[in-house]
Amino acid sequence: MREANGILEGLMDFSFRRYAAPRMLKFLYAIHLLAGLIAGVAWVVLAFQQAPVQGLVALLGALVGYSLWILYCRIVLEVLAAVFRIANTVAATPSPGDSQQQEYSEPSVAEMVGAR
């Protein structure tokens, strides 16, 4: 129940200090997979009503399409999760005005190529 409160708190955060989407990724994934499954089953049922051969072709197409849908949804949500992780990492790094000044030095060509 704690996670549900966290999601609601994230949705009601009008200052946008916390991200709500990372907590909802599992839910979004499940909803998209369910929607793809419903669409595939509906397509197959409608095709079987037309003709058995059409239904079999639709069944094969639905299996391939649903596999691609799962892959697509997974990749998109992993990219979204990576973006939020990057945002959290960038927010956690000290700014240049902090007491610990970070110096930037460009690597030499030998370091970039990997020569020693």
N, C-alpha and C. Protein backbone atom coordinates (compact mmCIF):
# COMPACT_ATOMS: atom_id res chain seq x y z
N MET A 1 0.83 -1.19 0.00
CA MET A 1 0.00 0.00 0.00
C MET A 1 0.87 1.26 0.00
N ARG A 2 2.09 1.12 0.49
CA ARG A 2 3.00 2.26 0.52
C ARG A 2 3.30 2.77 -0.89
N GLU A 3 3.47 1.83 -1.83
CA GLU A 3 3.76 2.23 -3.21
C GLU A 3 2.58 2.98 -3.82
N ALA A 4 1.36 2.56 -3.51
CA ALA A 4 0.17 3.24 -4.02
C ALA A 4 0.11 4.67 -3.49
N ASN A 5 0.45 4.86 -2.22
CA ASN A 5 0.50 6.21 -1.67
C ASN A 5 1.56 7.04 -2.36
N GLY A 6 2.70 6.41 -2.69
CA GLY A 6 3.77 7.12 -3.38
C GLY A 6 3.35 7.59 -4.76
N ILE A 7 2.58 6.76 -5.45
CA ILE A 7 2.10 7.14 -6.78
C ILE A 7 1.13 8.30 -6.67
N LEU A 8 0.21 8.22 -5.73
CA LEU A 8 -0.75 9.31 -5.55
C LEU A 8 -0.06 10.59 -5.11
N GLU A 9 0.92 10.46 -4.23
CA GLU A 9 1.68 11.65 -3.81
C GLU A 9 2.42 12.25 -5.00
N GLY A 10 2.98 11.37 -5.85
CA GLY A 10 3.69 11.86 -7.03
C GLY A 10 2.76 12.57 -8.00
N LEU A 11 1.54 12.08 -8.14
CA LEU A 11 0.58 12.72 -9.04
C LEU A 11 0.09 14.06 -8.49
N MET A 12 0.06 14.19 -7.18
CA MET A 12 -0.43 15.43 -6.57
C MET A 12 0.69 16.42 -6.25
N ASP A 13 1.90 16.13 -6.69
CA ASP A 13 3.04 17.02 -6.47
C ASP A 13 3.03 18.10 -7.56
N PHE A 14 2.45 19.24 -7.24
CA PHE A 14 2.33 20.31 -8.23
C PHE A 14 3.62 21.09 -8.44
N SER A 15 4.62 20.85 -7.61
CA SER A 15 5.90 21.51 -7.80
C SER A 15 6.83 20.68 -8.69
N PHE A 16 6.42 19.48 -9.04
CA PHE A 16 7.18 18.57 -9.90
C PHE A 16 8.59 18.32 -9.38
N ARG A 17 8.70 18.06 -8.09
CA ARG A 17 9.99 17.73 -7.50
C ARG A 17 10.27 16.23 -7.54
N ARG A 18 9.25 15.42 -7.66
CA ARG A 18 9.40 13.97 -7.75
C ARG A 18 8.77 13.49 -9.05
N TYR A 19 9.39 12.49 -9.64
CA TYR A 19 8.86 11.91 -10.87
C TYR A 19 7.85 10.83 -10.52
N ALA A 20 6.71 10.87 -11.17
CA ALA A 20 5.68 9.85 -10.95
C ALA A 20 5.81 8.71 -11.95
N ALA A 21 6.32 8.98 -13.12
CA ALA A 21 6.39 7.97 -14.18
C ALA A 21 7.25 6.76 -13.83
N PRO A 22 8.42 6.90 -13.20
CA PRO A 22 9.20 5.70 -12.90
C PRO A 22 8.45 4.70 -12.00
N ARG A 23 7.61 5.19 -11.15
CA ARG A 23 6.84 4.30 -10.27
C ARG A 23 5.71 3.61 -11.03
N MET A 24 5.32 4.17 -12.15
CA MET A 24 4.18 3.65 -12.89
C MET A 24 4.59 2.80 -14.09
N LEU A 25 5.89 2.55 -14.29
CA LEU A 25 6.34 1.83 -15.47
C LEU A 25 5.78 0.41 -15.54
N LYS A 26 5.73 -0.30 -14.43
CA LYS A 26 5.17 -1.66 -14.44
C LYS A 26 3.70 -1.63 -14.84
N PHE A 27 2.98 -0.67 -14.30
CA PHE A 27 1.56 -0.53 -14.61
C PHE A 27 1.37 -0.20 -16.09
N LEU A 28 2.16 0.73 -16.62
CA LEU A 28 2.06 1.10 -18.03
C LEU A 28 2.38 -0.08 -18.94
N TYR A 29 3.39 -0.86 -18.56
CA TYR A 29 3.77 -2.04 -19.34
C TYR A 29 2.61 -3.04 -19.37
N ALA A 30 2.02 -3.30 -18.22
CA ALA A 30 0.92 -4.25 -18.14
C ALA A 30 -0.29 -3.77 -18.96
N ILE A 31 -0.60 -2.49 -18.87
CA ILE A 31 -1.74 -1.94 -19.62
C ILE A 31 -1.50 -2.06 -21.12
N HIS A 32 -0.30 -1.76 -21.57
CA HIS A 32 -0.01 -1.84 -23.01
C HIS A 32 -0.04 -3.28 -23.50
N LEU A 33 0.47 -4.22 -22.70
CA LEU A 33 0.42 -5.62 -23.11
C LEU A 33 -1.02 -6.12 -23.16
N LEU A 34 -1.83 -5.71 -22.20
CA LEU A 34 -3.23 -6.10 -22.20
C LEU A 34 -3.97 -5.52 -23.40
N ALA A 35 -3.70 -4.27 -23.72
CA ALA A 35 -4.34 -3.64 -24.88
C ALA A 35 -3.94 -4.35 -26.18
N GLY A 36 -2.67 -4.72 -26.31
CA GLY A 36 -2.23 -5.46 -27.49
C GLY A 36 -2.86 -6.82 -27.58
N LEU A 37 -3.01 -7.49 -26.45
CA LEU A 37 -3.64 -8.80 -26.43
C LEU A 37 -5.12 -8.71 -26.83
N ILE A 38 -5.81 -7.73 -26.30
CA ILE A 38 -7.23 -7.54 -26.65
C ILE A 38 -7.38 -7.23 -28.14
N ALA A 39 -6.51 -6.38 -28.67
CA ALA A 39 -6.58 -6.05 -30.10
C ALA A 39 -6.30 -7.27 -30.96
N GLY A 40 -5.31 -8.08 -30.58
CA GLY A 40 -4.99 -9.28 -31.34
C GLY A 40 -6.12 -10.30 -31.33
N VAL A 41 -6.70 -10.52 -30.15
CA VAL A 41 -7.81 -11.48 -30.05
C VAL A 41 -9.02 -11.00 -30.85
N ALA A 42 -9.32 -9.71 -30.77
CA ALA A 42 -10.45 -9.17 -31.54
C ALA A 42 -10.22 -9.33 -33.03
N TRP A 43 -8.99 -9.09 -33.47
CA TRP A 43 -8.67 -9.22 -34.89
C TRP A 43 -8.85 -10.67 -35.35
N VAL A 44 -8.38 -11.62 -34.54
CA VAL A 44 -8.49 -13.04 -34.90
C VAL A 44 -9.96 -13.48 -34.90
N VAL A 45 -10.73 -13.06 -33.92
CA VAL A 45 -12.15 -13.44 -33.87
C VAL A 45 -12.89 -12.90 -35.08
N LEU A 46 -12.64 -11.65 -35.42
CA LEU A 46 -13.31 -11.07 -36.59
C LEU A 46 -12.89 -11.77 -37.88
N ALA A 47 -11.63 -12.18 -37.96
CA ALA A 47 -11.16 -12.87 -39.16
C ALA A 47 -11.77 -14.26 -39.26
N PHE A 48 -11.91 -14.96 -38.13
CA PHE A 48 -12.54 -16.28 -38.16
C PHE A 48 -14.02 -16.20 -38.54
N GLN A 49 -14.65 -15.09 -38.25
CA GLN A 49 -16.04 -14.93 -38.65
C GLN A 49 -16.18 -14.80 -40.16
N GLN A 50 -15.14 -14.31 -40.82
CA GLN A 50 -15.16 -14.17 -42.27
C GLN A 50 -14.95 -15.52 -42.96
N ALA A 51 -13.84 -16.17 -42.59
CA ALA A 51 -13.51 -17.47 -43.20
C ALA A 51 -12.44 -18.14 -42.33
N PRO A 52 -12.45 -19.47 -42.29
CA PRO A 52 -11.45 -20.17 -41.48
C PRO A 52 -10.01 -19.90 -41.92
N VAL A 53 -9.79 -19.83 -43.22
CA VAL A 53 -8.44 -19.57 -43.70
C VAL A 53 -7.99 -18.17 -43.30
N GLN A 54 -8.90 -17.22 -43.41
CA GLN A 54 -8.59 -15.85 -42.98
C GLN A 54 -8.29 -15.82 -41.49
N GLY A 55 -9.00 -16.60 -40.71
CA GLY A 55 -8.77 -16.66 -39.28
C GLY A 55 -7.41 -17.22 -38.94
N LEU A 56 -6.99 -18.26 -39.67
CA LEU A 56 -5.67 -18.84 -39.43
C LEU A 56 -4.55 -17.87 -39.80
N VAL A 57 -4.74 -17.18 -40.91
CA VAL A 57 -3.74 -16.17 -41.30
C VAL A 57 -3.71 -15.04 -40.27
N ALA A 58 -4.85 -14.64 -39.79
CA ALA A 58 -4.91 -13.59 -38.78
C ALA A 58 -4.29 -14.06 -37.47
N LEU A 59 -4.48 -15.34 -37.14
CA LEU A 59 -3.89 -15.88 -35.92
C LEU A 59 -2.37 -15.84 -36.01
N LEU A 60 -1.84 -16.24 -37.14
CA LEU A 60 -0.39 -16.19 -37.34
C LEU A 60 0.10 -14.74 -37.30
N GLY A 61 -0.62 -13.86 -37.98
CA GLY A 61 -0.25 -12.45 -37.97
C GLY A 61 -0.36 -11.83 -36.59
N ALA A 62 -1.36 -12.25 -35.82
CA ALA A 62 -1.52 -11.71 -34.47
C ALA A 62 -0.39 -12.16 -33.56
N LEU A 63 0.06 -13.41 -33.72
CA LEU A 63 1.17 -13.89 -32.90
C LEU A 63 2.46 -13.12 -33.20
N VAL A 64 2.72 -12.92 -34.48
CA VAL A 64 3.92 -12.15 -34.86
C VAL A 64 3.78 -10.69 -34.41
N GLY A 65 2.61 -10.12 -34.65
CA GLY A 65 2.38 -8.73 -34.27
C GLY A 65 2.46 -8.51 -32.77
N TYR A 66 1.92 -9.45 -32.01
CA TYR A 66 1.96 -9.31 -30.55
C TYR A 66 3.39 -9.45 -30.03
N SER A 67 4.17 -10.32 -30.65
CA SER A 67 5.58 -10.45 -30.25
C SER A 67 6.33 -9.14 -30.51
N LEU A 68 6.07 -8.55 -31.67
CA LEU A 68 6.71 -7.26 -31.98
C LEU A 68 6.20 -6.15 -31.05
N TRP A 69 4.92 -6.21 -30.68
CA TRP A 69 4.34 -5.23 -29.77
C TRP A 69 5.01 -5.31 -28.39
N ILE A 70 5.22 -6.54 -27.90
CA ILE A 70 5.90 -6.72 -26.62
C ILE A 70 7.30 -6.13 -26.68
N LEU A 71 8.02 -6.43 -27.76
CA LEU A 71 9.37 -5.91 -27.92
C LEU A 71 9.38 -4.38 -27.97
N TYR A 72 8.46 -3.81 -28.74
CA TYR A 72 8.37 -2.36 -28.86
C TYR A 72 8.07 -1.70 -27.51
N CYS A 73 7.07 -2.22 -26.81
CA CYS A 73 6.69 -1.63 -25.51
C CYS A 73 7.84 -1.72 -24.52
N ARG A 74 8.52 -2.85 -24.51
CA ARG A 74 9.63 -3.03 -23.57
C ARG A 74 10.75 -2.03 -23.86
N ILE A 75 11.10 -1.88 -25.12
CA ILE A 75 12.19 -0.96 -25.48
C ILE A 75 11.82 0.47 -25.14
N VAL A 76 10.61 0.88 -25.47
CA VAL A 76 10.19 2.26 -25.20
C VAL A 76 10.20 2.54 -23.70
N LEU A 77 9.69 1.61 -22.90
CA LEU A 77 9.65 1.84 -21.46
C LEU A 77 11.04 1.76 -20.83
N GLU A 78 11.94 0.94 -21.38
CA GLU A 78 13.32 0.92 -20.88
C GLU A 78 14.03 2.23 -21.20
N VAL A 79 13.77 2.78 -22.38
CA VAL A 79 14.35 4.09 -22.72
C VAL A 79 13.81 5.16 -21.78
N LEU A 80 12.53 5.11 -21.50
CA LEU A 80 11.93 6.06 -20.57
C LEU A 80 12.55 5.92 -19.18
N ALA A 81 12.75 4.69 -18.72
CA ALA A 81 13.38 4.46 -17.42
C ALA A 81 14.82 4.98 -17.41
N ALA A 82 15.53 4.78 -18.51
CA ALA A 82 16.91 5.27 -18.60
C ALA A 82 16.96 6.79 -18.55
N VAL A 83 16.01 7.44 -19.21
CA VAL A 83 15.97 8.90 -19.18
C VAL A 83 15.75 9.41 -17.76
N PHE A 84 14.86 8.76 -17.02
CA PHE A 84 14.63 9.17 -15.64
C PHE A 84 15.83 8.89 -14.75
N ARG A 85 16.54 7.78 -15.00
CA ARG A 85 17.75 7.51 -14.22
C ARG A 85 18.83 8.55 -14.52
N ILE A 86 18.95 8.93 -15.79
CA ILE A 86 19.92 9.96 -16.15
C ILE A 86 19.56 11.27 -15.47
N ALA A 87 18.27 11.61 -15.47
CA ALA A 87 17.84 12.85 -14.83
C ALA A 87 18.14 12.82 -13.34
N ASN A 88 17.94 11.69 -12.68
CA ASN A 88 18.25 11.59 -11.25
C ASN A 88 19.75 11.70 -11.00
N THR A 89 20.56 11.10 -11.88
CA THR A 89 22.01 11.17 -11.73
C THR A 89 22.51 12.59 -11.95
N VAL A 90 21.99 13.24 -12.96
CA VAL A 90 22.40 14.62 -13.23
C VAL A 90 21.99 15.54 -12.09
N ALA A 91 20.82 15.31 -11.54
CA ALA A 91 20.36 16.15 -10.42
C ALA A 91 21.19 15.90 -9.17
N ALA A 92 21.77 14.71 -9.03
CA ALA A 92 22.55 14.39 -7.83
C ALA A 92 23.99 14.88 -7.92
N THR A 93 24.48 15.20 -9.10
CA THR A 93 25.86 15.68 -9.23
C THR A 93 25.95 17.11 -8.73
N PRO A 94 27.09 17.45 -8.10
CA PRO A 94 27.24 18.81 -7.58
C PRO A 94 27.35 19.83 -8.71
N SER A 95 26.79 20.99 -8.48
CA SER A 95 26.85 22.05 -9.49
C SER A 95 28.22 22.73 -9.44
N PRO A 96 28.61 23.46 -10.49
CA PRO A 96 29.93 24.10 -10.53
C PRO A 96 30.13 25.13 -9.41
N GLY A 97 29.07 25.67 -8.86
CA GLY A 97 29.20 26.66 -7.81
C GLY A 97 29.42 26.07 -6.43
N ASP A 98 29.42 24.75 -6.29
CA ASP A 98 29.61 24.12 -5.00
C ASP A 98 31.05 24.26 -4.52
N SER A 99 31.27 23.93 -3.26
CA SER A 99 32.58 24.07 -2.66
C SER A 99 33.60 23.13 -3.30
N GLN A 100 33.16 21.98 -3.75
CA GLN A 100 34.07 21.05 -4.40
C GLN A 100 34.05 21.32 -5.89
N GLN A 101 34.98 22.10 -6.35
CA GLN A 101 35.06 22.49 -7.75
C GLN A 101 35.59 21.32 -8.57
N GLN A 102 34.88 20.93 -9.61
CA GLN A 102 35.35 19.88 -10.49
C GLN A 102 36.04 20.52 -11.68
N GLU A 103 37.21 19.98 -12.00
CA GLU A 103 37.94 20.51 -13.14
C GLU A 103 37.74 19.59 -14.32
N TYR A 104 37.65 20.20 -15.48
CA TYR A 104 37.46 19.45 -16.71
C TYR A 104 38.72 19.55 -17.53
N SER A 105 39.27 18.41 -17.89
CA SER A 105 40.44 18.41 -18.76
C SER A 105 40.14 17.51 -19.94
N GLU A 106 40.44 18.00 -21.11
CA GLU A 106 40.17 17.22 -22.31
C GLU A 106 41.19 16.11 -22.43
N PRO A 107 40.73 14.91 -22.80
CA PRO A 107 41.67 13.81 -22.96
C PRO A 107 42.50 14.01 -24.22
N SER A 108 43.72 13.49 -24.19
CA SER A 108 44.58 13.59 -25.36
C SER A 108 44.10 12.59 -26.41
N VAL A 109 44.62 12.73 -27.61
CA VAL A 109 44.23 11.84 -28.70
C VAL A 109 44.61 10.40 -28.36
N ALA A 110 45.76 10.20 -27.73
CA ALA A 110 46.20 8.85 -27.37
C ALA A 110 45.24 8.21 -26.37
N GLU A 111 44.70 8.99 -25.45
CA GLU A 111 43.75 8.44 -24.47
C GLU A 111 42.43 8.07 -25.15
N MET A 112 42.02 8.88 -26.14
CA MET A 112 40.77 8.59 -26.81
C MET A 112 40.88 7.33 -27.67
N VAL A 113 42.04 7.11 -28.28
CA VAL A 113 42.23 5.95 -29.14
C VAL A 113 42.46 4.70 -28.29
N GLY A 114 43.00 4.88 -27.11
CA GLY A 114 43.24 3.74 -26.24
C GLY A 114 44.71 3.35 -26.20
N ALA A 115 45.57 4.17 -26.75
CA ALA A 115 47.00 3.87 -26.74
C ALA A 115 47.56 4.12 -25.35
N ARG A 116 48.59 3.36 -25.04
CA ARG A 116 49.21 3.53 -23.71
C ARG A 116 50.62 3.97 -23.82
